[in-house]
Amino acid sequence: MMKIDNVILKVKDIDKMTAFYEKVLGMKVRKRDSERTELGTDKDTLLILKTNEKLKYRKPETANLYHIAYLLPERTDLAVFLRHIMDIGFDGLGAADHLVSEAIYLNDPENNGIEIYTDRNKEGWSYTNNGDVVMDTLSLNADELYYLSSNSNFRMPDGSRVGHVHMQGVNIPEIRKFYEDILLLNKTAVMPNAVFMSYDGYHHHFAFNHWDSRISKPGDNTSTGLEAIEYEIDKERYEHIKNNAEKNLKYPDLEIMDGYFMINDLNNVKLIINNKN
């Protein structure tokens, strides 16, 4: 069992960013003060925005987020979102059929990528001879999706979650090695300059690419963008991964607390891993 609980973004303009996630993505503000906003559904926090006066905008050469992907419970939810996003006249939309899923893409005001998607039934996925999940980027049948819904009253529905996080990176083979050797994820697909990884046979919980040739160094703690990903796993896997990380002296930034541990990946993204009892 693996579940991504939430993602933490560092932002410059927290008021503008909060308004975007409320009005455009239909998230509910669950908690808020001058330096932090927690957003999500009625039941769950899916995103935390943090700010401070010292933050600066991320430079193009710095690795960070490609997109956060929010998985909706039903295809009809994606249809309502499509009507909503078209009704408000949002510019810069993208869309794709990935065979395993259908997705709509957009960026927030600070250029963090967002994917809103629904999965197709796993029984219909295809696999290569070596066991990789077959994924592609095809045109989305937007007309069919649009007419699945008769309204545009989109609110992030209960049951929505962070389905996966796709990140940029510099050295994809080294990043893959870290996630395989330390966090014990499995490779599910490889594309040119990209790798997709998961637990338990999902098409991907994490992905990494080096598609932007400008990117040459890891993330910066004082810049905007992705700060942390918090996820939970079952107790047996948690103990296995924690013990594995403790034994690997190559990653000395490991912090072990009561019921969770934290480690930075090679992009300088903090991974907070919880023990799901």
C-alpha atoms as a PDB file:
ATOM      1  CA  MET A   1       0.000   0.000   0.000  1.00  0.00           C
ATOM      2  CA  MET A   2       1.257   3.453  -0.919  1.00  0.00           C
ATOM      3  CA  LYS A   3      -0.587   6.771  -0.707  1.00  0.00           C
ATOM      4  CA  ILE A   4       0.799  10.235  -1.400  1.00  0.00           C
ATOM      5  CA  ASP A   5      -0.755  12.399   1.315  1.00  0.00           C
ATOM      6  CA  ASN A   6       0.248  15.865   0.172  1.00  0.00           C
ATOM      7  CA  VAL A   7       2.839  18.017  -1.551  1.00  0.00           C
ATOM      8  CA  ILE A   8       4.485  21.150  -0.162  1.00  0.00           C
ATOM      9  CA  LEU A   9       5.239  24.072  -2.493  1.00  0.00           C
ATOM     10  CA  LYS A  10       7.323  27.139  -1.684  1.00  0.00           C
ATOM     11  CA  VAL A  11       5.643  30.219  -3.180  1.00  0.00           C
ATOM     12  CA  LYS A  12       6.262  33.952  -3.446  1.00  0.00           C
ATOM     13  CA  ASP A  13       2.703  35.277  -3.596  1.00  0.00           C
ATOM     14  CA  ILE A  14       0.690  33.115  -1.246  1.00  0.00           C
ATOM     15  CA  ASP A  15      -2.520  35.125  -1.659  1.00  0.00           C
ATOM     16  CA  LYS A  16      -2.492  34.809  -5.451  1.00  0.00           C
ATOM     17  CA  MET A  17      -1.562  31.142  -5.305  1.00  0.00           C
ATOM     18  CA  THR A  18      -4.243  30.356  -2.723  1.00  0.00           C
ATOM     19  CA  ALA A  19      -6.877  32.067  -4.866  1.00  0.00           C
ATOM     20  CA  PHE A  20      -5.777  30.063  -7.920  1.00  0.00           C
ATOM     21  CA  TYR A  21      -6.070  26.687  -6.216  1.00  0.00           C
ATOM     22  CA  GLU A  22      -9.433  27.686  -4.749  1.00  0.00           C
ATOM     23  CA  LYS A  23     -11.032  29.128  -7.877  1.00  0.00           C
ATOM     24  CA  VAL A  24      -9.360  27.223 -10.703  1.00  0.00           C
ATOM     25  CA  LEU A  25      -8.775  23.803  -9.109  1.00  0.00           C
ATOM     26  CA  GLY A  26     -11.788  23.927  -6.810  1.00  0.00           C
ATOM     27  CA  MET A  27      -9.832  23.164  -3.658  1.00  0.00           C
ATOM     28  CA  LYS A  28     -11.048  24.042  -0.183  1.00  0.00           C
ATOM     29  CA  VAL A  29      -8.892  26.146   2.159  1.00  0.00           C
ATOM     30  CA  ARG A  30      -8.582  23.955   5.237  1.00  0.00           C
ATOM     31  CA  LYS A  31      -6.155  26.108   7.253  1.00  0.00           C
ATOM     32  CA  ARG A  32      -4.516  29.435   6.594  1.00  0.00           C
ATOM     33  CA  ASP A  33      -2.226  32.044   8.087  1.00  0.00           C
ATOM     34  CA  SER A  34       0.111  34.662   6.601  1.00  0.00           C
ATOM     35  CA  GLU A  35       2.859  32.150   5.702  1.00  0.00           C
ATOM     36  CA  ARG A  36       1.019  28.875   5.101  1.00  0.00           C
ATOM     37  CA  THR A  37      -2.138  27.615   3.391  1.00  0.00           C
ATOM     38  CA  GLU A  38      -3.446  24.043   3.472  1.00  0.00           C
ATOM     39  CA  LEU A  39      -5.798  23.149   0.624  1.00  0.00           C
ATOM     40  CA  GLY A  40      -7.686  20.063  -0.450  1.00  0.00           C
ATOM     41  CA  THR A  41     -11.125  18.510  -0.138  1.00  0.00           C
ATOM     42  CA  ASP A  42     -13.563  18.488   2.756  1.00  0.00           C
ATOM     43  CA  LYS A  43     -11.779  15.407   4.105  1.00  0.00           C
ATOM     44  CA  ASP A  44      -8.128  15.621   3.037  1.00  0.00           C
ATOM     45  CA  THR A  45      -5.272  18.090   2.661  1.00  0.00           C
ATOM     46  CA  LEU A  46      -3.688  17.644  -0.776  1.00  0.00           C
ATOM     47  CA  LEU A  47      -1.437  20.709  -1.034  1.00  0.00           C
ATOM     48  CA  ILE A  48       0.455  22.962   1.357  1.00  0.00           C
ATOM     49  CA  LEU A  49       1.682  26.388   0.223  1.00  0.00           C
ATOM     50  CA  LYS A  50       4.479  28.000   2.241  1.00  0.00           C
ATOM     51  CA  THR A  51       6.112  31.395   1.890  1.00  0.00           C
ATOM     52  CA  ASN A  52       8.692  33.615   3.524  1.00  0.00           C
ATOM     53  CA  GLU A  53      10.203  36.980   2.641  1.00  0.00           C
ATOM     54  CA  LYS A  54      13.565  35.471   1.628  1.00  0.00           C
ATOM     55  CA  LEU A  55      12.233  33.253  -1.170  1.00  0.00           C
ATOM     56  CA  LYS A  56      13.215  34.047  -4.743  1.00  0.00           C
ATOM     57  CA  TYR A  57      11.820  32.676  -7.988  1.00  0.00           C
ATOM     58  CA  ARG A  58      13.406  29.473  -9.218  1.00  0.00           C
ATOM     59  CA  LYS A  59      15.978  29.862 -11.996  1.00  0.00           C
ATOM     60  CA  PRO A  60      15.558  27.880 -15.252  1.00  0.00           C
ATOM     61  CA  GLU A  61      18.726  25.846 -14.660  1.00  0.00           C
ATOM     62  CA  THR A  62      17.457  24.493 -11.336  1.00  0.00           C
ATOM     63  CA  ALA A  63      15.772  21.065 -11.175  1.00  0.00           C
ATOM     64  CA  ASN A  64      12.408  20.908  -9.501  1.00  0.00           C
ATOM     65  CA  LEU A  65       8.790  20.064 -10.254  1.00  0.00           C
ATOM     66  CA  TYR A  66       7.434  19.034 -13.655  1.00  0.00           C
ATOM     67  CA  HIS A  67       3.891  18.555 -12.395  1.00  0.00           C
ATOM     68  CA  ILE A  68       1.764  17.465  -9.454  1.00  0.00           C
ATOM     69  CA  ALA A  69      -0.910  15.059 -10.683  1.00  0.00           C
ATOM     70  CA  TYR A  70      -4.286  15.021  -8.938  1.00  0.00           C
ATOM     71  CA  LEU A  71      -6.241  11.812  -9.474  1.00  0.00           C
ATOM     72  CA  LEU A  72     -10.015  12.287  -9.505  1.00  0.00           C
ATOM     73  CA  PRO A  73     -12.320   9.440  -8.420  1.00  0.00           C
ATOM     74  CA  GLU A  74     -14.480   9.267 -11.575  1.00  0.00           C
ATOM     75  CA  ARG A  75     -14.230  10.098 -15.275  1.00  0.00           C
ATOM     76  CA  THR A  76     -17.331  12.257 -14.877  1.00  0.00           C
ATOM     77  CA  ASP A  77     -15.359  14.391 -12.379  1.00  0.00           C
ATOM     78  CA  LEU A  78     -12.782  15.034 -15.100  1.00  0.00           C
ATOM     79  CA  ALA A  79     -15.622  15.953 -17.464  1.00  0.00           C
ATOM     80  CA  VAL A  80     -16.945  18.527 -14.993  1.00  0.00           C
ATOM     81  CA  PHE A  81     -13.426  19.914 -14.587  1.00  0.00           C
ATOM     82  CA  LEU A  82     -13.064  20.226 -18.367  1.00  0.00           C
ATOM     83  CA  ARG A  83     -16.337  22.186 -18.611  1.00  0.00           C
ATOM     84  CA  HIS A  84     -15.266  24.355 -15.658  1.00  0.00           C
ATOM     85  CA  ILE A  85     -11.832  25.181 -17.031  1.00  0.00           C
ATOM     86  CA  MET A  86     -13.302  26.025 -20.446  1.00  0.00           C
ATOM     87  CA  ASP A  87     -16.090  28.132 -18.972  1.00  0.00           C
ATOM     88  CA  ILE A  88     -13.665  30.329 -17.054  1.00  0.00           C
ATOM     89  CA  GLY A  89     -11.575  30.771 -20.209  1.00  0.00           C
ATOM     90  CA  PHE A  90      -8.299  29.508 -18.754  1.00  0.00           C
ATOM     91  CA  ASP A  91      -5.396  29.940 -21.200  1.00  0.00           C
ATOM     92  CA  GLY A  92      -2.580  27.469 -21.760  1.00  0.00           C
ATOM     93  CA  LEU A  93      -4.428  24.180 -21.333  1.00  0.00           C
ATOM     94  CA  GLY A  94      -2.976  20.880 -22.476  1.00  0.00           C
ATOM     95  CA  ALA A  95      -4.619  17.470 -22.690  1.00  0.00           C
ATOM     96  CA  ALA A  96      -3.582  13.900 -23.442  1.00  0.00           C
ATOM     97  CA  ASP A  97      -4.674  10.299 -23.586  1.00  0.00           C
ATOM     98  CA  HIS A  98      -1.905   8.249 -21.976  1.00  0.00           C
ATOM     99  CA  LEU A  99      -3.623   4.866 -22.579  1.00  0.00           C
ATOM    100  CA  VAL A 100      -3.603   4.160 -18.822  1.00  0.00           C
ATOM    101  CA  SER A 101      -5.219   7.521 -18.064  1.00  0.00           C
ATOM    102  CA  GLU A 102      -6.792  10.687 -19.445  1.00  0.00           C
ATOM    103  CA  ALA A 103      -5.316  14.017 -18.393  1.00  0.00           C
ATOM    104  CA  ILE A 104      -5.700  17.786 -18.538  1.00  0.00           C
ATOM    105  CA  TYR A 105      -2.626  19.972 -17.959  1.00  0.00           C
ATOM    106  CA  LEU A 106      -2.148  23.554 -16.804  1.00  0.00           C
ATOM    107  CA  ASN A 107       0.289  25.715 -14.843  1.00  0.00           C
ATOM    108  CA  ASP A 108      -0.313  27.728 -11.686  1.00  0.00           C
ATOM    109  CA  PRO A 109       0.661  31.447 -11.482  1.00  0.00           C
ATOM    110  CA  GLU A 110       4.226  30.579 -10.411  1.00  0.00           C
ATOM    111  CA  ASN A 111       4.670  28.092 -13.250  1.00  0.00           C
ATOM    112  CA  ASN A 112       4.276  24.887 -11.260  1.00  0.00           C
ATOM    113  CA  GLY A 113       2.878  22.194 -13.540  1.00  0.00           C
ATOM    114  CA  ILE A 114      -0.448  20.541 -12.683  1.00  0.00           C
ATOM    115  CA  GLU A 115      -2.119  17.452 -14.090  1.00  0.00           C
ATOM    116  CA  ILE A 116      -5.757  16.605 -13.397  1.00  0.00           C
ATOM    117  CA  TYR A 117      -6.518  13.029 -14.452  1.00  0.00           C
ATOM    118  CA  THR A 118      -8.487   9.835 -14.120  1.00  0.00           C
ATOM    119  CA  ASP A 119      -7.193   6.308 -14.558  1.00  0.00           C
ATOM    120  CA  ARG A 120      -8.501   3.689 -16.892  1.00  0.00           C
ATOM    121  CA  ASN A 121      -9.229   0.275 -15.421  1.00  0.00           C
ATOM    122  CA  LYS A 122      -5.960  -1.529 -14.708  1.00  0.00           C
ATOM    123  CA  GLU A 123      -7.277  -4.707 -16.350  1.00  0.00           C
ATOM    124  CA  GLY A 124      -7.094  -2.850 -19.667  1.00  0.00           C
ATOM    125  CA  TRP A 125      -3.468  -1.716 -19.375  1.00  0.00           C
ATOM    126  CA  SER A 126      -0.900  -3.216 -21.742  1.00  0.00           C
ATOM    127  CA  TYR A 127       2.654  -4.270 -20.970  1.00  0.00           C
ATOM    128  CA  THR A 128       5.865  -4.701 -22.932  1.00  0.00           C
ATOM    129  CA  ASN A 129       7.734  -8.009 -23.056  1.00  0.00           C
ATOM    130  CA  ASN A 130       9.924  -6.872 -20.150  1.00  0.00           C
ATOM    131  CA  GLY A 131       6.917  -5.954 -17.997  1.00  0.00           C
ATOM    132  CA  ASP A 132       6.891  -2.174 -18.442  1.00  0.00           C
ATOM    133  CA  VAL A 133       3.521  -0.429 -18.515  1.00  0.00           C
ATOM    134  CA  VAL A 134       2.700   0.809 -22.017  1.00  0.00           C
ATOM    135  CA  MET A 135       2.025   4.561 -21.928  1.00  0.00           C
ATOM    136  CA  ASP A 136       1.822   7.091 -24.727  1.00  0.00           C
ATOM    137  CA  THR A 137       0.823  10.698 -25.349  1.00  0.00           C
ATOM    138  CA  LEU A 138      -2.126  10.742 -27.731  1.00  0.00           C
ATOM    139  CA  SER A 139      -4.871  13.262 -28.410  1.00  0.00           C
ATOM    140  CA  LEU A 140      -7.575  13.356 -25.758  1.00  0.00           C
ATOM    141  CA  ASN A 141     -11.130  12.845 -26.996  1.00  0.00           C
ATOM    142  CA  ALA A 142     -12.186  16.131 -25.438  1.00  0.00           C
ATOM    143  CA  ASP A 143     -15.590  16.244 -27.142  1.00  0.00           C
ATOM    144  CA  GLU A 144     -16.623  12.881 -25.706  1.00  0.00           C
ATOM    145  CA  LEU A 145     -15.340  13.853 -22.272  1.00  0.00           C
ATOM    146  CA  TYR A 146     -17.021  17.261 -22.365  1.00  0.00           C
ATOM    147  CA  TYR A 147     -20.465  15.777 -23.000  1.00  0.00           C
ATOM    148  CA  LEU A 148     -20.199  13.332 -20.108  1.00  0.00           C
ATOM    149  CA  SER A 149     -21.203  16.221 -17.876  1.00  0.00           C
ATOM    150  CA  SER A 150     -24.006  18.756 -18.064  1.00  0.00           C
ATOM    151  CA  ASN A 151     -22.552  21.246 -15.575  1.00  0.00           C
ATOM    152  CA  SER A 152     -19.329  23.071 -14.761  1.00  0.00           C
ATOM    153  CA  ASN A 153     -19.741  23.321 -10.983  1.00  0.00           C
ATOM    154  CA  PHE A 154     -16.371  21.788 -10.197  1.00  0.00           C
ATOM    155  CA  ARG A 155     -15.144  21.341  -6.648  1.00  0.00           C
ATOM    156  CA  MET A 156     -12.274  18.985  -5.896  1.00  0.00           C
ATOM    157  CA  PRO A 157     -14.305  15.924  -4.888  1.00  0.00           C
ATOM    158  CA  ASP A 158     -13.754  13.845  -1.767  1.00  0.00           C
ATOM    159  CA  GLY A 159     -11.698  10.829  -2.732  1.00  0.00           C
ATOM    160  CA  SER A 160      -9.349  12.892  -4.899  1.00  0.00           C
ATOM    161  CA  ARG A 161      -5.675  12.395  -4.120  1.00  0.00           C
ATOM    162  CA  VAL A 162      -2.183  13.082  -5.366  1.00  0.00           C
ATOM    163  CA  GLY A 163      -1.825  10.235  -7.830  1.00  0.00           C
ATOM    164  CA  HIS A 164       1.787  10.931  -8.756  1.00  0.00           C
ATOM    165  CA  VAL A 165       4.497  13.572  -8.781  1.00  0.00           C
ATOM    166  CA  HIS A 166       6.625  14.113 -11.892  1.00  0.00           C
ATOM    167  CA  MET A 167       9.936  15.884 -11.283  1.00  0.00           C
ATOM    168  CA  GLN A 168      12.777  17.272 -13.332  1.00  0.00           C
ATOM    169  CA  GLY A 169      16.332  16.148 -12.709  1.00  0.00           C
ATOM    170  CA  VAL A 170      19.888  16.297 -13.965  1.00  0.00           C
ATOM    171  CA  ASN A 171      21.196  12.731 -13.856  1.00  0.00           C
ATOM    172  CA  ILE A 172      18.256  10.393 -14.489  1.00  0.00           C
ATOM    173  CA  PRO A 173      20.227   7.123 -14.026  1.00  0.00           C
ATOM    174  CA  GLU A 174      21.485   8.301 -10.605  1.00  0.00           C
ATOM    175  CA  ILE A 175      18.021   9.464  -9.571  1.00  0.00           C
ATOM    176  CA  ARG A 176      16.584   6.101 -10.602  1.00  0.00           C
ATOM    177  CA  LYS A 177      19.287   4.323  -8.592  1.00  0.00           C
ATOM    178  CA  PHE A 178      18.418   6.367  -5.480  1.00  0.00           C
ATOM    179  CA  TYR A 179      14.708   5.607  -5.698  1.00  0.00           C
ATOM    180  CA  GLU A 180      15.313   1.928  -6.463  1.00  0.00           C
ATOM    181  CA  ASP A 181      18.146   1.251  -4.008  1.00  0.00           C
ATOM    182  CA  ILE A 182      17.081   3.448  -1.075  1.00  0.00           C
ATOM    183  CA  LEU A 183      13.292   3.774  -1.349  1.00  0.00           C
ATOM    184  CA  LEU A 184      12.782   0.390  -3.066  1.00  0.00           C
ATOM    185  CA  LEU A 185      10.520   1.607  -5.847  1.00  0.00           C
ATOM    186  CA  ASN A 186      10.198  -0.373  -9.063  1.00  0.00           C
ATOM    187  CA  LYS A 187      10.760   0.935 -12.564  1.00  0.00           C
ATOM    188  CA  THR A 188       7.513   0.783 -14.565  1.00  0.00           C
ATOM    189  CA  ALA A 189       8.526   2.508 -17.825  1.00  0.00           C
ATOM    190  CA  VAL A 190      11.499   4.183 -19.479  1.00  0.00           C
ATOM    191  CA  MET A 191      11.388   6.887 -22.134  1.00  0.00           C
ATOM    192  CA  PRO A 192      14.203   8.986 -23.611  1.00  0.00           C
ATOM    193  CA  ASN A 193      15.709  10.939 -20.696  1.00  0.00           C
ATOM    194  CA  ALA A 194      12.914   9.853 -18.365  1.00  0.00           C
ATOM    195  CA  VAL A 195      11.970   7.078 -15.962  1.00  0.00           C
ATOM    196  CA  PHE A 196       8.657   6.183 -14.285  1.00  0.00           C
ATOM    197  CA  MET A 197       8.532   4.347 -10.936  1.00  0.00           C
ATOM    198  CA  SER A 198       6.007   2.994  -8.461  1.00  0.00           C
ATOM    199  CA  TYR A 199       5.115   0.621  -5.693  1.00  0.00           C
ATOM    200  CA  ASP A 200       2.660  -2.255  -6.233  1.00  0.00           C
ATOM    201  CA  GLY A 201       2.417  -2.109 -10.019  1.00  0.00           C
ATOM    202  CA  TYR A 202       0.802   1.324 -10.386  1.00  0.00           C
ATOM    203  CA  HIS A 203       1.749   3.016 -13.675  1.00  0.00           C
ATOM    204  CA  HIS A 204       3.773   5.555 -11.668  1.00  0.00           C
ATOM    205  CA  HIS A 205       3.867   7.259  -8.299  1.00  0.00           C
ATOM    206  CA  PHE A 206       7.017   9.187  -9.259  1.00  0.00           C
ATOM    207  CA  ALA A 207       8.533  10.169 -12.583  1.00  0.00           C
ATOM    208  CA  PHE A 208      11.732  12.022 -13.477  1.00  0.00           C
ATOM    209  CA  ASN A 209      12.848  13.648 -16.696  1.00  0.00           C
ATOM    210  CA  HIS A 210      15.679  15.701 -18.130  1.00  0.00           C
ATOM    211  CA  TRP A 211      13.735  17.083 -21.095  1.00  0.00           C
ATOM    212  CA  ASP A 212      14.801  20.690 -20.463  1.00  0.00           C
ATOM    213  CA  SER A 213      18.479  21.000 -21.446  1.00  0.00           C
ATOM    214  CA  ARG A 214      18.865  24.144 -19.336  1.00  0.00           C
ATOM    215  CA  ILE A 215      18.546  22.153 -16.101  1.00  0.00           C
ATOM    216  CA  SER A 216      21.991  21.530 -14.666  1.00  0.00           C
ATOM    217  CA  LYS A 217      21.764  21.562 -10.866  1.00  0.00           C
ATOM    218  CA  PRO A 218      19.533  20.377  -7.977  1.00  0.00           C
ATOM    219  CA  GLY A 219      16.858  22.433  -6.277  1.00  0.00           C
ATOM    220  CA  ASP A 220      17.642  25.401  -4.066  1.00  0.00           C
ATOM    221  CA  ASN A 221      16.173  25.734  -0.568  1.00  0.00           C
ATOM    222  CA  THR A 222      15.748  29.488  -1.009  1.00  0.00           C
ATOM    223  CA  SER A 223      13.832  29.267  -4.307  1.00  0.00           C
ATOM    224  CA  THR A 224      10.193  28.677  -5.178  1.00  0.00           C
ATOM    225  CA  GLY A 225       8.942  25.279  -6.205  1.00  0.00           C
ATOM    226  CA  LEU A 226       8.681  21.809  -4.741  1.00  0.00           C
ATOM    227  CA  GLU A 227       9.867  21.442  -1.152  1.00  0.00           C
ATOM    228  CA  ALA A 228       8.516  18.100   0.025  1.00  0.00           C
ATOM    229  CA  ILE A 229       6.364  15.086  -0.773  1.00  0.00           C
ATOM    230  CA  GLU A 230       4.698  13.251   2.099  1.00  0.00           C
ATOM    231  CA  TYR A 231       3.546   9.694   1.579  1.00  0.00           C
ATOM    232  CA  GLU A 232       2.549   6.689   3.646  1.00  0.00           C
ATOM    233  CA  ILE A 233       3.304   3.000   3.249  1.00  0.00           C
ATOM    234  CA  ASP A 234       2.444  -0.154   5.155  1.00  0.00           C
ATOM    235  CA  LYS A 235       4.390  -1.026   8.298  1.00  0.00           C
ATOM    236  CA  GLU A 236       6.422  -3.904   6.859  1.00  0.00           C
ATOM    237  CA  ARG A 237       7.600  -1.884   3.862  1.00  0.00           C
ATOM    238  CA  TYR A 238       8.206   1.160   6.075  1.00  0.00           C
ATOM    239  CA  GLU A 239      10.551  -0.779   8.369  1.00  0.00           C
ATOM    240  CA  HIS A 240      12.346  -2.331   5.395  1.00  0.00           C
ATOM    241  CA  ILE A 241      12.944   1.024   3.697  1.00  0.00           C
ATOM    242  CA  LYS A 242      13.913   2.787   6.919  1.00  0.00           C
ATOM    243  CA  ASN A 243      16.467   0.090   7.781  1.00  0.00           C
ATOM    244  CA  ASN A 244      17.773   0.140   4.242  1.00  0.00           C
ATOM    245  CA  ALA A 245      18.228   3.926   4.319  1.00  0.00           C
ATOM    246  CA  GLU A 246      19.936   3.780   7.727  1.00  0.00           C
ATOM    247  CA  LYS A 247      22.539   1.353   6.420  1.00  0.00           C
ATOM    248  CA  ASN A 248      23.408   3.505   3.409  1.00  0.00           C
ATOM    249  CA  LEU A 249      26.013   6.018   4.579  1.00  0.00           C
ATOM    250  CA  LYS A 250      25.949   7.765   1.204  1.00  0.00           C
ATOM    251  CA  TYR A 251      22.838   9.703   2.329  1.00  0.00           C
ATOM    252  CA  PRO A 252      23.680  11.242   5.711  1.00  0.00           C
ATOM    253  CA  ASP A 253      20.682  13.625   5.819  1.00  0.00           C
ATOM    254  CA  LEU A 254      18.314  10.880   6.997  1.00  0.00           C
ATOM    255  CA  GLU A 255      16.141  12.001   9.945  1.00  0.00           C
ATOM    256  CA  ILE A 256      14.142   9.365  11.848  1.00  0.00           C
ATOM    257  CA  MET A 257      11.214  10.459  14.036  1.00  0.00           C
ATOM    258  CA  ASP A 258       8.442   8.599  15.820  1.00  0.00           C
ATOM    259  CA  GLY A 259       6.369   7.002  13.063  1.00  0.00           C
ATOM    260  CA  TYR A 260       8.046   8.648  10.090  1.00  0.00           C
ATOM    261  CA  PHE A 261      11.402   9.488   8.570  1.00  0.00           C
ATOM    262  CA  MET A 262      12.694  12.139   6.172  1.00  0.00           C
ATOM    263  CA  ILE A 263      15.385  12.002   3.505  1.00  0.00           C
ATOM    264  CA  ASN A 264      16.356  14.370   0.685  1.00  0.00           C
ATOM    265  CA  ASP A 265      16.550  12.991  -2.837  1.00  0.00           C
ATOM    266  CA  LEU A 266      19.164  13.999  -5.421  1.00  0.00           C
ATOM    267  CA  ASN A 267      17.001  16.941  -6.551  1.00  0.00           C
ATOM    268  CA  ASN A 268      16.980  18.274  -2.966  1.00  0.00           C
ATOM    269  CA  VAL A 269      13.309  17.365  -2.556  1.00  0.00           C
ATOM    270  CA  LYS A 270      12.417  16.256   0.964  1.00  0.00           C
ATOM    271  CA  LEU A 271      10.601  12.927   1.161  1.00  0.00           C
ATOM    272  CA  ILE A 272       8.544  12.452   4.334  1.00  0.00           C
ATOM    273  CA  ILE A 273       7.637   8.781   4.676  1.00  0.00           C
ATOM    274  CA  ASN A 274       4.974   7.755   7.161  1.00  0.00           C
ATOM    275  CA  ASN A 275       4.241   4.400   8.730  1.00  0.00           C
ATOM    276  CA  LYS A 276       0.643   3.447   7.983  1.00  0.00           C
ATOM    277  CA  ASN A 277      -0.416   1.215  10.880  1.00  0.00           C
END
